[in-house]
Amino acid sequence: MTALGIALAVGGASAGTASASTGNSGNTGNTGSGSGAAVVTPLLKFFEFGNTIGLPLLCSDAGSIVSIFGAQSGTAAATSLIVTQLDSECSQLASQGSTYLQQAISESESLELINPYVDPLIGDLSTGLSTVGNQYGSSLAPFGPTVAGLGGTVAFFEGT
């Protein structure tokens, strides 16, 4: 908590200066074609990744649990129908989710007018976390590298 307080103080102090950071070169989360709004577009891209990776994995795990339950309870024939339907619904949901997320990402580009106001704050917070983690890492042990790494995570949410 102390490290976060120091990072916020460092970020807040540098946000008021005329030479406030306008971005972080470590921002690789928003690369690609088009532009995007700070915080909104990267979050939607994160959900898009979850839709293509996380949702099928979750569906597969749910199907496995139902299959195991069916095998243990002696109702494998009935539960196999449920697993088949679950797989079908999950595939359809993943397909529709991808379409909606692509639409939302495209529409979020109209919010990029917030970038000049939000990006310096995100950049300063990112720099503050990295600085605190690197300079005071031994005092924060074992969390110093984690705090320093949070700078890159925060930078992911900058606009492009």
Protein backbone atom coordinates (compact mmCIF):
# COMPACT_ATOMS: atom_id res chain seq x y z
CA MET A 1 0.00 0.00 0.00
CA THR A 2 2.89 2.33 0.76
CA ALA A 3 4.35 1.75 -2.71
CA LEU A 4 1.02 2.52 -4.33
CA GLY A 5 0.73 5.72 -2.29
CA ILE A 6 4.23 6.78 -3.32
CA ALA A 7 3.49 5.95 -6.96
CA LEU A 8 0.30 7.99 -6.88
CA ALA A 9 2.14 10.89 -5.26
CA VAL A 10 4.91 10.74 -7.86
CA GLY A 11 2.35 10.46 -10.66
CA GLY A 12 0.20 13.27 -9.26
CA ALA A 13 3.17 15.57 -8.74
CA SER A 14 4.45 15.13 -12.25
CA ALA A 15 0.96 15.42 -13.78
CA GLY A 16 0.85 19.07 -12.79
CA THR A 17 4.07 20.01 -14.54
CA ALA A 18 4.21 21.51 -18.00
CA SER A 19 6.34 18.68 -19.27
CA ALA A 20 3.91 15.93 -18.38
CA SER A 21 4.47 12.68 -20.18
CA THR A 22 2.25 12.18 -23.18
CA GLY A 23 2.77 8.48 -23.44
CA ASN A 24 4.88 5.50 -22.62
CA SER A 25 7.00 3.89 -25.28
CA GLY A 26 6.42 0.56 -23.56
CA ASN A 27 2.77 0.57 -24.59
CA THR A 28 2.38 -2.48 -26.78
CA GLY A 29 -1.21 -3.26 -25.88
CA ASN A 30 -2.74 -0.94 -28.44
CA THR A 31 -0.64 -1.58 -31.49
CA GLY A 32 -2.33 -2.29 -34.76
CA SER A 33 -4.40 -0.46 -37.28
CA GLY A 34 -6.71 2.35 -36.35
CA SER A 35 -6.78 4.46 -33.28
CA GLY A 36 -8.37 3.99 -29.93
CA ALA A 37 -9.60 5.71 -26.82
CA ALA A 38 -7.56 5.46 -23.66
CA VAL A 39 -8.83 2.83 -21.22
CA VAL A 40 -11.94 1.93 -23.30
CA THR A 41 -10.36 0.44 -26.44
CA PRO A 42 -7.63 -1.54 -24.62
CA LEU A 43 -10.24 -2.96 -22.25
CA LEU A 44 -12.43 -4.04 -25.16
CA LYS A 45 -9.39 -5.63 -26.86
CA PHE A 46 -8.70 -7.48 -23.63
CA PHE A 47 -12.29 -8.79 -23.63
CA GLU A 48 -11.88 -9.78 -27.28
CA PHE A 49 -8.89 -11.91 -26.31
CA GLY A 50 -10.94 -13.41 -23.49
CA ASN A 51 -13.73 -14.21 -25.92
CA THR A 52 -11.40 -16.15 -28.23
CA ILE A 53 -9.34 -17.88 -25.52
CA GLY A 54 -11.15 -17.73 -22.19
CA LEU A 55 -14.70 -18.50 -23.26
CA PRO A 56 -13.87 -21.74 -25.14
CA LEU A 57 -11.69 -22.82 -22.23
CA LEU A 58 -14.48 -22.12 -19.76
CA CYS A 59 -16.97 -24.00 -21.92
CA SER A 60 -14.61 -26.94 -22.21
CA ASP A 61 -14.15 -27.03 -18.45
CA ALA A 62 -17.90 -26.85 -17.87
CA GLY A 63 -18.45 -29.71 -20.32
CA SER A 64 -15.82 -31.77 -18.53
CA ILE A 65 -17.48 -31.21 -15.17
CA VAL A 66 -20.88 -32.23 -16.52
CA SER A 67 -19.35 -35.34 -18.15
CA ILE A 68 -17.61 -36.33 -14.92
CA PHE A 69 -20.85 -35.83 -13.00
CA GLY A 70 -22.66 -38.02 -15.52
CA ALA A 71 -20.06 -40.75 -15.32
CA GLN A 72 -20.05 -40.72 -11.52
CA SER A 73 -23.82 -40.74 -11.20
CA GLY A 74 -24.46 -43.33 -13.92
CA THR A 75 -26.31 -40.88 -16.17
CA ALA A 76 -23.69 -40.55 -18.90
CA ALA A 77 -26.22 -40.93 -21.72
CA ALA A 78 -28.32 -38.02 -20.48
CA THR A 79 -25.38 -35.77 -19.67
CA SER A 80 -23.76 -36.34 -23.07
CA LEU A 81 -26.78 -34.59 -24.63
CA ILE A 82 -26.25 -31.68 -22.23
CA VAL A 83 -22.54 -31.49 -23.10
CA THR A 84 -23.34 -31.49 -26.83
CA GLN A 85 -25.85 -28.67 -26.37
CA LEU A 86 -23.39 -26.75 -24.15
CA ASP A 87 -20.69 -27.01 -26.82
CA SER A 88 -23.10 -25.76 -29.47
CA GLU A 89 -24.26 -22.81 -27.37
CA CYS A 90 -20.70 -21.87 -26.44
CA SER A 91 -19.60 -21.85 -30.08
CA GLN A 92 -22.52 -19.65 -31.02
CA LEU A 93 -21.89 -17.29 -28.10
CA ALA A 94 -18.20 -16.97 -28.94
CA SER A 95 -19.06 -16.15 -32.55
CA GLN A 96 -21.65 -13.53 -31.61
CA GLY A 97 -19.42 -12.09 -28.88
CA SER A 98 -16.60 -11.56 -31.32
CA THR A 99 -18.90 -9.66 -33.67
CA TYR A 100 -20.20 -7.41 -30.90
CA LEU A 101 -16.73 -6.76 -29.50
CA GLN A 102 -15.33 -5.84 -32.94
CA GLN A 103 -18.24 -3.43 -33.33
CA ALA A 104 -17.60 -1.90 -29.90
CA ILE A 105 -13.86 -1.54 -30.59
CA SER A 106 -14.63 0.24 -33.84
CA GLU A 107 -17.12 2.57 -32.17
CA SER A 108 -14.76 3.29 -29.24
CA GLU A 109 -12.46 5.12 -31.65
CA SER A 110 -14.85 8.07 -31.50
CA LEU A 111 -13.92 8.50 -27.84
CA GLU A 112 -10.27 9.20 -28.60
CA LEU A 113 -10.86 12.89 -27.81
CA ILE A 114 -10.23 11.94 -24.15
CA ASN A 115 -6.67 10.80 -24.94
CA PRO A 116 -4.95 14.19 -24.48
CA TYR A 117 -6.44 14.41 -20.99
CA VAL A 118 -6.16 10.81 -19.85
CA ASP A 119 -2.90 9.67 -21.48
CA PRO A 120 -0.64 12.01 -19.44
CA LEU A 121 -2.22 10.74 -16.22
CA ILE A 122 -1.83 7.11 -17.28
CA GLY A 123 1.74 7.76 -18.43
CA ASP A 124 2.65 9.45 -15.16
CA LEU A 125 1.11 6.68 -13.08
CA SER A 126 2.96 4.11 -15.19
CA THR A 127 6.25 5.95 -14.79
CA GLY A 128 5.62 6.41 -11.06
CA LEU A 129 4.98 2.73 -10.49
CA SER A 130 8.07 1.74 -12.48
CA THR A 131 10.21 4.27 -10.62
CA VAL A 132 8.99 3.22 -7.19
CA GLY A 133 9.41 -0.47 -8.00
CA ASN A 134 12.92 0.01 -9.38
CA GLN A 135 14.27 2.53 -6.85
CA TYR A 136 12.66 1.12 -3.72
CA GLY A 137 12.40 -2.52 -4.79
CA SER A 138 14.62 -3.80 -1.99
CA SER A 139 12.53 -1.98 0.62
CA LEU A 140 9.36 -3.42 -0.87
CA ALA A 141 10.75 -6.96 -1.10
CA PRO A 142 9.40 -9.25 -2.38
CA PHE A 143 6.98 -6.92 -4.16
CA GLY A 144 9.47 -4.51 -5.77
CA PRO A 145 9.55 -6.24 -9.17
CA THR A 146 5.76 -6.58 -9.10
CA VAL A 147 5.29 -2.87 -8.47
CA ALA A 148 7.80 -2.04 -11.22
CA GLY A 149 5.97 -4.38 -13.59
CA LEU A 150 2.66 -2.70 -12.88
CA GLY A 151 3.98 0.31 -14.79
CA GLY A 152 3.77 -1.64 -18.02
CA THR A 153 0.32 -2.94 -17.16
CA VAL A 154 -0.94 0.59 -16.54
CA ALA A 155 0.69 1.78 -19.80
CA PHE A 156 -1.41 -0.80 -21.68
CA PHE A 157 -4.44 1.40 -21.09
CA GLU A 158 -3.07 4.44 -22.92
CA GLY A 159 -4.84 5.51 -26.09
CA THR A 160 -3.27 5.27 -29.52
